[in-house]
Amino acid sequence: MDKATSDAIEAAAFRRLLAHLDSRKDVQNIDLMILGGFCRNCLSKWYMAAAEEAGQSVDYDAAREHIYGMPYSEWKANHQAEATPEQLAALEAANSQ
């Protein structure tokens, strides 16, 4: 497979991941961190870093808006629940491994 085809497939898979996360707003970032070791904010940072590597300037707020599909403050107000003590304990346990 040539690089252009591979890049196009990877880009399509990334867009599908974003669409999936958008359709699952019930899945909290803390749950993603506990189970996968990354969250939407991590994706935002990776997006920003990839843009920089490509010679483009994307600030963190713009990167988060791209990943969340809306301003982060709006997503947080409408979809983010307060972390439970159990979630916080699970995150601490996952981070200590």
PDB file of N, CA and C in Angstrom:
ATOM      1  N   MET A   1       0.850  -1.173   0.000  1.00  0.00           N
ATOM      2  CA  MET A   1       0.000   0.000   0.000  1.00  0.00           C
ATOM      3  C   MET A   1       0.900   1.242   0.000  1.00  0.00           C
ATOM      4  N   ASP A   2       0.577   2.192  -0.862  1.00  0.00           N
ATOM      5  CA  ASP A   2       1.409   3.400  -0.905  1.00  0.00           C
ATOM      6  C   ASP A   2       1.030   4.349   0.238  1.00  0.00           C
ATOM      7  N   LYS A   3       1.893   5.308   0.501  1.00  0.00           N
ATOM      8  CA  LYS A   3       1.722   6.221   1.640  1.00  0.00           C
ATOM      9  C   LYS A   3       0.447   7.052   1.513  1.00  0.00           C
ATOM     10  N   ALA A   4       0.123   7.537   0.329  1.00  0.00           N
ATOM     11  CA  ALA A   4      -1.073   8.364   0.153  1.00  0.00           C
ATOM     12  C   ALA A   4      -2.335   7.565   0.479  1.00  0.00           C
ATOM     13  N   THR A   5      -2.377   6.327   0.054  1.00  0.00           N
ATOM     14  CA  THR A   5      -3.539   5.477   0.348  1.00  0.00           C
ATOM     15  C   THR A   5      -3.612   5.188   1.841  1.00  0.00           C
ATOM     16  N   SER A   6      -2.474   4.866   2.438  1.00  0.00           N
ATOM     17  CA  SER A   6      -2.429   4.603   3.869  1.00  0.00           C
ATOM     18  C   SER A   6      -2.885   5.832   4.662  1.00  0.00           C
ATOM     19  N   ASP A   7      -2.393   7.011   4.275  1.00  0.00           N
ATOM     20  CA  ASP A   7      -2.791   8.247   4.954  1.00  0.00           C
ATOM     21  C   ASP A   7      -4.293   8.489   4.819  1.00  0.00           C
ATOM     22  N   ALA A   8      -4.848   8.241   3.638  1.00  0.00           N
ATOM     23  CA  ALA A   8      -6.285   8.444   3.411  1.00  0.00           C
ATOM     24  C   ALA A   8      -7.114   7.489   4.268  1.00  0.00           C
ATOM     25  N   ILE A   9      -6.668   6.250   4.375  1.00  0.00           N
ATOM     26  CA  ILE A   9      -7.379   5.262   5.189  1.00  0.00           C
ATOM     27  C   ILE A   9      -7.303   5.652   6.669  1.00  0.00           C
ATOM     28  N   GLU A  10      -6.116   6.054   7.124  1.00  0.00           N
ATOM     29  CA  GLU A  10      -5.957   6.473   8.517  1.00  0.00           C
ATOM     30  C   GLU A  10      -6.822   7.698   8.816  1.00  0.00           C
ATOM     31  N   ALA A  11      -6.878   8.647   7.897  1.00  0.00           N
ATOM     32  CA  ALA A  11      -7.708   9.841   8.080  1.00  0.00           C
ATOM     33  C   ALA A  11      -9.180   9.460   8.159  1.00  0.00           C
ATOM     34  N   ALA A  12      -9.609   8.538   7.322  1.00  0.00           N
ATOM     35  CA  ALA A  12     -11.004   8.084   7.347  1.00  0.00           C
ATOM     36  C   ALA A  12     -11.312   7.379   8.669  1.00  0.00           C
ATOM     37  N   ALA A  13     -10.391   6.584   9.153  1.00  0.00           N
ATOM     38  CA  ALA A  13     -10.595   5.895  10.429  1.00  0.00           C
ATOM     39  C   ALA A  13     -10.672   6.912  11.568  1.00  0.00           C
ATOM     40  N   PHE A  14      -9.856   7.949  11.528  1.00  0.00           N
ATOM     41  CA  PHE A  14      -9.882   8.991  12.548  1.00  0.00           C
ATOM     42  C   PHE A  14     -11.212   9.740  12.515  1.00  0.00           C
ATOM     43  N   ARG A  15     -11.691  10.072  11.318  1.00  0.00           N
ATOM     44  CA  ARG A  15     -12.995  10.735  11.208  1.00  0.00           C
ATOM     45  C   ARG A  15     -14.100   9.834  11.755  1.00  0.00           C
ATOM     46  N   ARG A  16     -13.992   8.553  11.520  1.00  0.00           N
ATOM     47  CA  ARG A  16     -14.999   7.614  12.040  1.00  0.00           C
ATOM     48  C   ARG A  16     -14.935   7.536  13.564  1.00  0.00           C
ATOM     49  N   LEU A  17     -13.733   7.564  14.134  1.00  0.00           N
ATOM     50  CA  LEU A  17     -13.577   7.591  15.587  1.00  0.00           C
ATOM     51  C   LEU A  17     -14.225   8.842  16.156  1.00  0.00           C
ATOM     52  N   LEU A  18     -13.982  10.004  15.543  1.00  0.00           N
ATOM     53  CA  LEU A  18     -14.595  11.239  16.025  1.00  0.00           C
ATOM     54  C   LEU A  18     -16.115  11.168  15.938  1.00  0.00           C
ATOM     55  N   ALA A  19     -16.637  10.632  14.844  1.00  0.00           N
ATOM     56  CA  ALA A  19     -18.084  10.493  14.694  1.00  0.00           C
ATOM     57  C   ALA A  19     -18.648   9.546  15.754  1.00  0.00           C
ATOM     58  N   HIS A  20     -17.931   8.475  16.029  1.00  0.00           N
ATOM     59  CA  HIS A  20     -18.369   7.523  17.049  1.00  0.00           C
ATOM     60  C   HIS A  20     -18.399   8.183  18.427  1.00  0.00           C
ATOM     61  N   LEU A  21     -17.320   8.899  18.766  1.00  0.00           N
ATOM     62  CA  LEU A  21     -17.290   9.584  20.054  1.00  0.00           C
ATOM     63  C   LEU A  21     -18.394  10.634  20.133  1.00  0.00           C
ATOM     64  N   ASP A  22     -18.669  11.305  19.015  1.00  0.00           N
ATOM     65  CA  ASP A  22     -19.737  12.293  18.990  1.00  0.00           C
ATOM     66  C   ASP A  22     -21.091  11.644  19.240  1.00  0.00           C
ATOM     67  N   SER A  23     -21.263  10.432  18.744  1.00  0.00           N
ATOM     68  CA  SER A  23     -22.538   9.735  18.941  1.00  0.00           C
ATOM     69  C   SER A  23     -22.650   9.129  20.338  1.00  0.00           C
ATOM     70  N   ARG A  24     -21.539   9.107  21.070  1.00  0.00           N
ATOM     71  CA  ARG A  24     -21.522   8.514  22.418  1.00  0.00           C
ATOM     72  C   ARG A  24     -21.112   9.557  23.461  1.00  0.00           C
ATOM     73  N   LYS A  25     -21.848  10.643  23.483  1.00  0.00           N
ATOM     74  CA  LYS A  25     -21.562  11.696  24.455  1.00  0.00           C
ATOM     75  C   LYS A  25     -21.764  11.207  25.885  1.00  0.00           C
ATOM     76  N   ASP A  26     -22.480  10.080  26.040  1.00  0.00           N
ATOM     77  CA  ASP A  26     -22.674   9.497  27.363  1.00  0.00           C
ATOM     78  C   ASP A  26     -21.381   8.911  27.925  1.00  0.00           C
ATOM     79  N   VAL A  27     -20.425   8.624  27.062  1.00  0.00           N
ATOM     80  CA  VAL A  27     -19.151   8.072  27.516  1.00  0.00           C
ATOM     81  C   VAL A  27     -18.287   9.231  28.002  1.00  0.00           C
ATOM     82  N   GLN A  28     -18.006   9.219  29.274  1.00  0.00           N
ATOM     83  CA  GLN A  28     -17.256  10.302  29.890  1.00  0.00           C
ATOM     84  C   GLN A  28     -15.753  10.152  29.635  1.00  0.00           C
ATOM     85  N   ASN A  29     -15.060  11.282  29.592  1.00  0.00           N
ATOM     86  CA  ASN A  29     -13.616  11.251  29.391  1.00  0.00           C
ATOM     87  C   ASN A  29     -12.914  10.414  30.458  1.00  0.00           C
ATOM     88  N   ILE A  30     -13.374  10.497  31.696  1.00  0.00           N
ATOM     89  CA  ILE A  30     -12.730   9.733  32.759  1.00  0.00           C
ATOM     90  C   ILE A  30     -12.845   8.234  32.487  1.00  0.00           C
ATOM     91  N   ASP A  31     -13.974   7.805  31.920  1.00  0.00           N
ATOM     92  CA  ASP A  31     -14.137   6.387  31.581  1.00  0.00           C
ATOM     93  C   ASP A  31     -13.175   5.984  30.464  1.00  0.00           C
ATOM     94  N   LEU A  32     -13.013   6.863  29.476  1.00  0.00           N
ATOM     95  CA  LEU A  32     -12.037   6.596  28.418  1.00  0.00           C
ATOM     96  C   LEU A  32     -10.633   6.491  29.004  1.00  0.00           C
ATOM     97  N   MET A  33     -10.300   7.378  29.933  1.00  0.00           N
ATOM     98  CA  MET A  33      -8.967   7.355  30.553  1.00  0.00           C
ATOM     99  C   MET A  33      -8.761   6.074  31.358  1.00  0.00           C
ATOM    100  N   ILE A  34      -9.784   5.652  32.081  1.00  0.00           N
ATOM    101  CA  ILE A  34      -9.664   4.443  32.902  1.00  0.00           C
ATOM    102  C   ILE A  34      -9.431   3.226  32.010  1.00  0.00           C
ATOM    103  N   LEU A  35     -10.223   3.114  30.966  1.00  0.00           N
ATOM    104  CA  LEU A  35     -10.177   1.913  30.127  1.00  0.00           C
ATOM    105  C   LEU A  35      -9.128   1.974  29.022  1.00  0.00           C
ATOM    106  N   GLY A  36      -8.943   3.143  28.433  1.00  0.00           N
ATOM    107  CA  GLY A  36      -8.073   3.228  27.264  1.00  0.00           C
ATOM    108  C   GLY A  36      -6.797   4.013  27.461  1.00  0.00           C
ATOM    109  N   GLY A  37      -6.721   4.762  28.553  1.00  0.00           N
ATOM    110  CA  GLY A  37      -5.527   5.558  28.794  1.00  0.00           C
ATOM    111  C   GLY A  37      -5.457   6.829  27.953  1.00  0.00           C
ATOM    112  N   PHE A  38      -6.566   7.192  27.312  1.00  0.00           N
ATOM    113  CA  PHE A  38      -6.639   8.444  26.563  1.00  0.00           C
ATOM    114  C   PHE A  38      -8.088   8.912  26.581  1.00  0.00           C
ATOM    115  N   CYS A  39      -8.259  10.195  26.246  1.00  0.00           N
ATOM    116  CA  CYS A  39      -9.613  10.742  26.194  1.00  0.00           C
ATOM    117  C   CYS A  39      -9.709  11.760  25.065  1.00  0.00           C
ATOM    118  N   ARG A  40     -10.815  12.437  24.992  1.00  0.00           N
ATOM    119  CA  ARG A  40     -11.018  13.435  23.946  1.00  0.00           C
ATOM    120  C   ARG A  40      -9.990  14.559  24.056  1.00  0.00           C
ATOM    121  N   ASN A  41      -9.607  14.923  25.283  1.00  0.00           N
ATOM    122  CA  ASN A  41      -8.591  15.963  25.449  1.00  0.00           C
ATOM    123  C   ASN A  41      -7.235  15.491  24.933  1.00  0.00           C
ATOM    124  N   CYS A  42      -6.920  14.228  25.137  1.00  0.00           N
ATOM    125  CA  CYS A  42      -5.687  13.668  24.581  1.00  0.00           C
ATOM    126  C   CYS A  42      -5.711  13.756  23.059  1.00  0.00           C
ATOM    127  N   LEU A  43      -6.844  13.379  22.459  1.00  0.00           N
ATOM    128  CA  LEU A  43      -6.974  13.471  21.006  1.00  0.00           C
ATOM    129  C   LEU A  43      -6.776  14.908  20.537  1.00  0.00           C
ATOM    130  N   SER A  44      -7.285  15.861  21.309  1.00  0.00           N
ATOM    131  CA  SER A  44      -7.114  17.274  20.963  1.00  0.00           C
ATOM    132  C   SER A  44      -5.633  17.652  20.967  1.00  0.00           C
ATOM    133  N   LYS A  45      -4.912  17.196  21.969  1.00  0.00           N
ATOM    134  CA  LYS A  45      -3.472  17.488  22.049  1.00  0.00           C
ATOM    135  C   LYS A  45      -2.713  16.819  20.915  1.00  0.00           C
ATOM    136  N   TRP A  46      -3.081  15.594  20.571  1.00  0.00           N
ATOM    137  CA  TRP A  46      -2.433  14.894  19.460  1.00  0.00           C
ATOM    138  C   TRP A  46      -2.729  15.597  18.139  1.00  0.00           C
ATOM    139  N   TYR A  47      -3.964  16.080  17.977  1.00  0.00           N
ATOM    140  CA  TYR A  47      -4.354  16.817  16.773  1.00  0.00           C
ATOM    141  C   TYR A  47      -3.521  18.100  16.659  1.00  0.00           C
ATOM    142  N   MET A  48      -3.389  18.809  17.756  1.00  0.00           N
ATOM    143  CA  MET A  48      -2.613  20.046  17.782  1.00  0.00           C
ATOM    144  C   MET A  48      -1.145  19.760  17.454  1.00  0.00           C
ATOM    145  N   ALA A  49      -0.586  18.695  18.004  1.00  0.00           N
ATOM    146  CA  ALA A  49       0.806  18.329  17.733  1.00  0.00           C
ATOM    147  C   ALA A  49       0.999  17.929  16.274  1.00  0.00           C
ATOM    148  N   ALA A  50       0.045  17.185  15.731  1.00  0.00           N
ATOM    149  CA  ALA A  50       0.144  16.774  14.326  1.00  0.00           C
ATOM    150  C   ALA A  50       0.069  17.988  13.402  1.00  0.00           C
ATOM    151  N   ALA A  51      -0.782  18.946  13.751  1.00  0.00           N
ATOM    152  CA  ALA A  51      -0.864  20.176  12.957  1.00  0.00           C
ATOM    153  C   ALA A  51       0.470  20.910  12.984  1.00  0.00           C
ATOM    154  N   GLU A  52       1.074  20.985  14.162  1.00  0.00           N
ATOM    155  CA  GLU A  52       2.368  21.657  14.291  1.00  0.00           C
ATOM    156  C   GLU A  52       3.442  20.956  13.457  1.00  0.00           C
ATOM    157  N   GLU A  53       3.424  19.626  13.478  1.00  0.00           N
ATOM    158  CA  GLU A  53       4.384  18.861  12.672  1.00  0.00           C
ATOM    159  C   GLU A  53       4.196  19.125  11.181  1.00  0.00           C
ATOM    160  N   ALA A  54       2.968  19.466  10.789  1.00  0.00           N
ATOM    161  CA  ALA A  54       2.665  19.760   9.389  1.00  0.00           C
ATOM    162  C   ALA A  54       2.860  21.241   9.067  1.00  0.00           C
ATOM    163  N   GLY A  55       3.395  21.990  10.048  1.00  0.00           N
ATOM    164  CA  GLY A  55       3.655  23.403   9.817  1.00  0.00           C
ATOM    165  C   GLY A  55       2.444  24.295   9.976  1.00  0.00           C
ATOM    166  N   GLN A  56       1.404  23.790  10.632  1.00  0.00           N
ATOM    167  CA  GLN A  56       0.172  24.551  10.850  1.00  0.00           C
ATOM    168  C   GLN A  56       0.038  24.898  12.324  1.00  0.00           C
ATOM    169  N   SER A  57      -0.514  26.053  12.580  1.00  0.00           N
ATOM    170  CA  SER A  57      -0.718  26.485  13.959  1.00  0.00           C
ATOM    171  C   SER A  57      -2.188  26.286  14.327  1.00  0.00           C
ATOM    172  N   VAL A  58      -2.435  25.418  15.298  1.00  0.00           N
ATOM    173  CA  VAL A  58      -3.779  25.181  15.817  1.00  0.00           C
ATOM    174  C   VAL A  58      -3.679  25.286  17.326  1.00  0.00           C
ATOM    175  N   ASP A  59      -4.420  26.221  17.911  1.00  0.00           N
ATOM    176  CA  ASP A  59      -4.349  26.340  19.363  1.00  0.00           C
ATOM    177  C   ASP A  59      -5.227  25.271  20.018  1.00  0.00           C
ATOM    178  N   TYR A  60      -5.046  25.122  21.325  1.00  0.00           N
ATOM    179  CA  TYR A  60      -5.715  24.042  22.051  1.00  0.00           C
ATOM    180  C   TYR A  60      -7.234  24.168  21.991  1.00  0.00           C
ATOM    181  N   ASP A  61      -7.756  25.384  22.122  1.00  0.00           N
ATOM    182  CA  ASP A  61      -9.212  25.555  22.061  1.00  0.00           C
ATOM    183  C   ASP A  61      -9.766  25.147  20.701  1.00  0.00           C
ATOM    184  N   ALA A  62      -9.077  25.510  19.624  1.00  0.00           N
ATOM    185  CA  ALA A  62      -9.525  25.131  18.273  1.00  0.00           C
ATOM    186  C   ALA A  62      -9.427  23.623  18.088  1.00  0.00           C
ATOM    187  N   ALA A  63      -8.368  23.020  18.620  1.00  0.00           N
ATOM    188  CA  ALA A  63      -8.208  21.568  18.521  1.00  0.00           C
ATOM    189  C   ALA A  63      -9.328  20.857  19.279  1.00  0.00           C
ATOM    190  N   ARG A  64      -9.650  21.334  20.473  1.00  0.00           N
ATOM    191  CA  ARG A  64     -10.730  20.716  21.246  1.00  0.00           C
ATOM    192  C   ARG A  64     -12.067  20.888  20.540  1.00  0.00           C
ATOM    193  N   GLU A  65     -12.301  22.048  19.943  1.00  0.00           N
ATOM    194  CA  GLU A  65     -13.557  22.244  19.226  1.00  0.00           C
ATOM    195  C   GLU A  65     -13.657  21.272  18.046  1.00  0.00           C
ATOM    196  N   HIS A  66     -12.531  21.010  17.388  1.00  0.00           N
ATOM    197  CA  HIS A  66     -12.536  20.044  16.282  1.00  0.00           C
ATOM    198  C   HIS A  66     -12.878  18.640  16.792  1.00  0.00           C
ATOM    199  N   ILE A  67     -12.268  18.242  17.891  1.00  0.00           N
ATOM    200  CA  ILE A  67     -12.481  16.899  18.425  1.00  0.00           C
ATOM    201  C   ILE A  67     -13.874  16.754  19.035  1.00  0.00           C
ATOM    202  N   TYR A  68     -14.308  17.735  19.804  1.00  0.00           N
ATOM    203  CA  TYR A  68     -15.604  17.666  20.476  1.00  0.00           C
ATOM    204  C   TYR A  68     -16.771  18.003  19.558  1.00  0.00           C
ATOM    205  N   GLY A  69     -16.501  18.669  18.441  1.00  0.00           N
ATOM    206  CA  GLY A  69     -17.564  19.057  17.524  1.00  0.00           C
ATOM    207  C   GLY A  69     -18.333  20.283  17.983  1.00  0.00           C
ATOM    208  N   MET A  70     -17.815  20.947  18.992  1.00  0.00           N
ATOM    209  CA  MET A  70     -18.434  22.158  19.553  1.00  0.00           C
ATOM    210  C   MET A  70     -17.414  22.762  20.507  1.00  0.00           C
ATOM    211  N   PRO A  71     -17.608  24.002  20.922  1.00  0.00           N
ATOM    212  CA  PRO A  71     -16.691  24.548  21.931  1.00  0.00           C
ATOM    213  C   PRO A  71     -16.671  23.658  23.179  1.00  0.00           C
ATOM    214  N   TYR A  72     -15.494  23.497  23.752  1.00  0.00           N
ATOM    215  CA  TYR A  72     -15.347  22.615  24.907  1.00  0.00           C
ATOM    216  C   TYR A  72     -16.264  23.038  26.050  1.00  0.00           C
ATOM    217  N   SER A  73     -16.384  24.340  26.278  1.00  0.00           N
ATOM    218  CA  SER A  73     -17.237  24.807  27.372  1.00  0.00           C
ATOM    219  C   SER A  73     -18.688  24.361  27.176  1.00  0.00           C
ATOM    220  N   GLU A  74     -19.139  24.354  25.941  1.00  0.00           N
ATOM    221  CA  GLU A  74     -20.501  23.894  25.638  1.00  0.00           C
ATOM    222  C   GLU A  74     -20.635  22.392  25.877  1.00  0.00           C
ATOM    223  N   TRP A  75     -19.651  21.613  25.407  1.00  0.00           N
ATOM    224  CA  TRP A  75     -19.683  20.166  25.609  1.00  0.00           C
ATOM    225  C   TRP A  75     -19.686  19.848  27.100  1.00  0.00           C
ATOM    226  N   LYS A  76     -18.793  20.528  27.822  1.00  0.00           N
ATOM    227  CA  LYS A  76     -18.667  20.274  29.253  1.00  0.00           C
ATOM    228  C   LYS A  76     -19.974  20.589  29.984  1.00  0.00           C
ATOM    229  N   ALA A  77     -20.591  21.725  29.640  1.00  0.00           N
ATOM    230  CA  ALA A  77     -21.836  22.123  30.300  1.00  0.00           C
ATOM    231  C   ALA A  77     -22.988  21.172  29.987  1.00  0.00           C
ATOM    232  N   ASN A  78     -23.008  20.641  28.777  1.00  0.00           N
ATOM    233  CA  ASN A  78     -24.145  19.821  28.341  1.00  0.00           C
ATOM    234  C   ASN A  78     -23.955  18.320  28.504  1.00  0.00           C
ATOM    235  N   HIS A  79     -22.701  17.853  28.593  1.00  0.00           N
ATOM    236  CA  HIS A  79     -22.476  16.403  28.528  1.00  0.00           C
ATOM    237  C   HIS A  79     -21.568  15.831  29.611  1.00  0.00           C
ATOM    238  N   GLN A  80     -20.807  16.664  30.286  1.00  0.00           N
ATOM    239  CA  GLN A  80     -19.858  16.122  31.255  1.00  0.00           C
ATOM    240  C   GLN A  80     -20.488  16.036  32.633  1.00  0.00           C
ATOM    241  N   ALA A  81     -20.469  14.844  33.174  1.00  0.00           N
ATOM    242  CA  ALA A  81     -20.975  14.622  34.529  1.00  0.00           C
ATOM    243  C   ALA A  81     -19.829  14.743  35.527  1.00  0.00           C
ATOM    244  N   GLU A  82     -20.170  15.020  36.754  1.00  0.00           N
ATOM    245  CA  GLU A  82     -19.178  15.052  37.822  1.00  0.00           C
ATOM    246  C   GLU A  82     -18.641  13.627  38.029  1.00  0.00           C
ATOM    247  N   ALA A  83     -17.342  13.517  38.160  1.00  0.00           N
ATOM    248  CA  ALA A  83     -16.735  12.200  38.380  1.00  0.00           C
ATOM    249  C   ALA A  83     -17.169  11.655  39.735  1.00  0.00           C
ATOM    250  N   THR A  84     -17.497  10.375  39.744  1.00  0.00           N
ATOM    251  CA  THR A  84     -17.889   9.729  40.993  1.00  0.00           C
ATOM    252  C   THR A  84     -16.634   9.324  41.765  1.00  0.00           C
ATOM    253  N   PRO A  85     -16.764   9.097  43.059  1.00  0.00           N
ATOM    254  CA  PRO A  85     -15.620   8.601  43.830  1.00  0.00           C
ATOM    255  C   PRO A  85     -15.071   7.287  43.243  1.00  0.00           C
ATOM    256  N   GLU A  86     -15.972   6.438  42.747  1.00  0.00           N
ATOM    257  CA  GLU A  86     -15.534   5.168  42.153  1.00  0.00           C
ATOM    258  C   GLU A  86     -14.705   5.410  40.885  1.00  0.00           C
ATOM    259  N   GLN A  87     -15.144   6.354  40.066  1.00  0.00           N
ATOM    260  CA  GLN A  87     -14.383   6.672  38.846  1.00  0.00           C
ATOM    261  C   GLN A  87     -13.010   7.232  39.200  1.00  0.00           C
ATOM    262  N   LEU A  88     -12.969   8.131  40.160  1.00  0.00           N
ATOM    263  CA  LEU A  88     -11.690   8.721  40.574  1.00  0.00           C
ATOM    264  C   LEU A  88     -10.739   7.655  41.117  1.00  0.00           C
ATOM    265  N   ALA A  89     -11.281   6.718  41.892  1.00  0.00           N
ATOM    266  CA  ALA A  89     -10.453   5.626  42.426  1.00  0.00           C
ATOM    267  C   ALA A  89      -9.962   4.727  41.296  1.00  0.00           C
ATOM    268  N   ALA A  90     -10.835   4.442  40.335  1.00  0.00           N
ATOM    269  CA  ALA A  90     -10.442   3.593  39.205  1.00  0.00           C
ATOM    270  C   ALA A  90      -9.383   4.290  38.354  1.00  0.00           C
ATOM    271  N   LEU A  91      -9.502   5.595  38.168  1.00  0.00           N
ATOM    272  CA  LEU A  91      -8.496   6.338  37.409  1.00  0.00           C
ATOM    273  C   LEU A  91      -7.157   6.325  38.125  1.00  0.00           C
ATOM    274  N   GLU A  92      -7.195   6.522  39.419  1.00  0.00           N
ATOM    275  CA  GLU A  92      -5.958   6.481  40.215  1.00  0.00           C
ATOM    276  C   GLU A  92      -5.306   5.103  40.122  1.00  0.00           C
ATOM    277  N   ALA A  93      -6.108   4.062  40.197  1.00  0.00           N
ATOM    278  CA  ALA A  93      -5.581   2.695  40.098  1.00  0.00           C
ATOM    279  C   ALA A  93      -5.013   2.441  38.701  1.00  0.00           C
ATOM    280  N   ALA A  94      -5.693   2.919  37.681  1.00  0.00           N
ATOM    281  CA  ALA A  94      -5.206   2.716  36.310  1.00  0.00           C
ATOM    282  C   ALA A  94      -3.905   3.471  36.081  1.00  0.00           C
ATOM    283  N   ASN A  95      -3.790   4.651  36.652  1.00  0.00           N
ATOM    284  CA  ASN A  95      -2.573   5.454  36.472  1.00  0.00           C
ATOM    285  C   ASN A  95      -1.390   4.938  37.267  1.00  0.00           C
ATOM    286  N   SER A  96      -1.656   4.126  38.292  1.00  0.00           N
ATOM    287  CA  SER A  96      -0.561   3.624  39.135  1.00  0.00           C
ATOM    288  C   SER A  96       0.018   2.305  38.620  1.00  0.00           C
ATOM    289  N   GLN A  97      -0.569   1.765  37.549  1.00  0.00           N
ATOM    290  CA  GLN A  97      -0.085   0.478  37.012  1.00  0.00           C
ATOM    291  C   GLN A  97       1.123   0.683  36.157  1.00  0.00           C
TER     292      GLN A  97
END
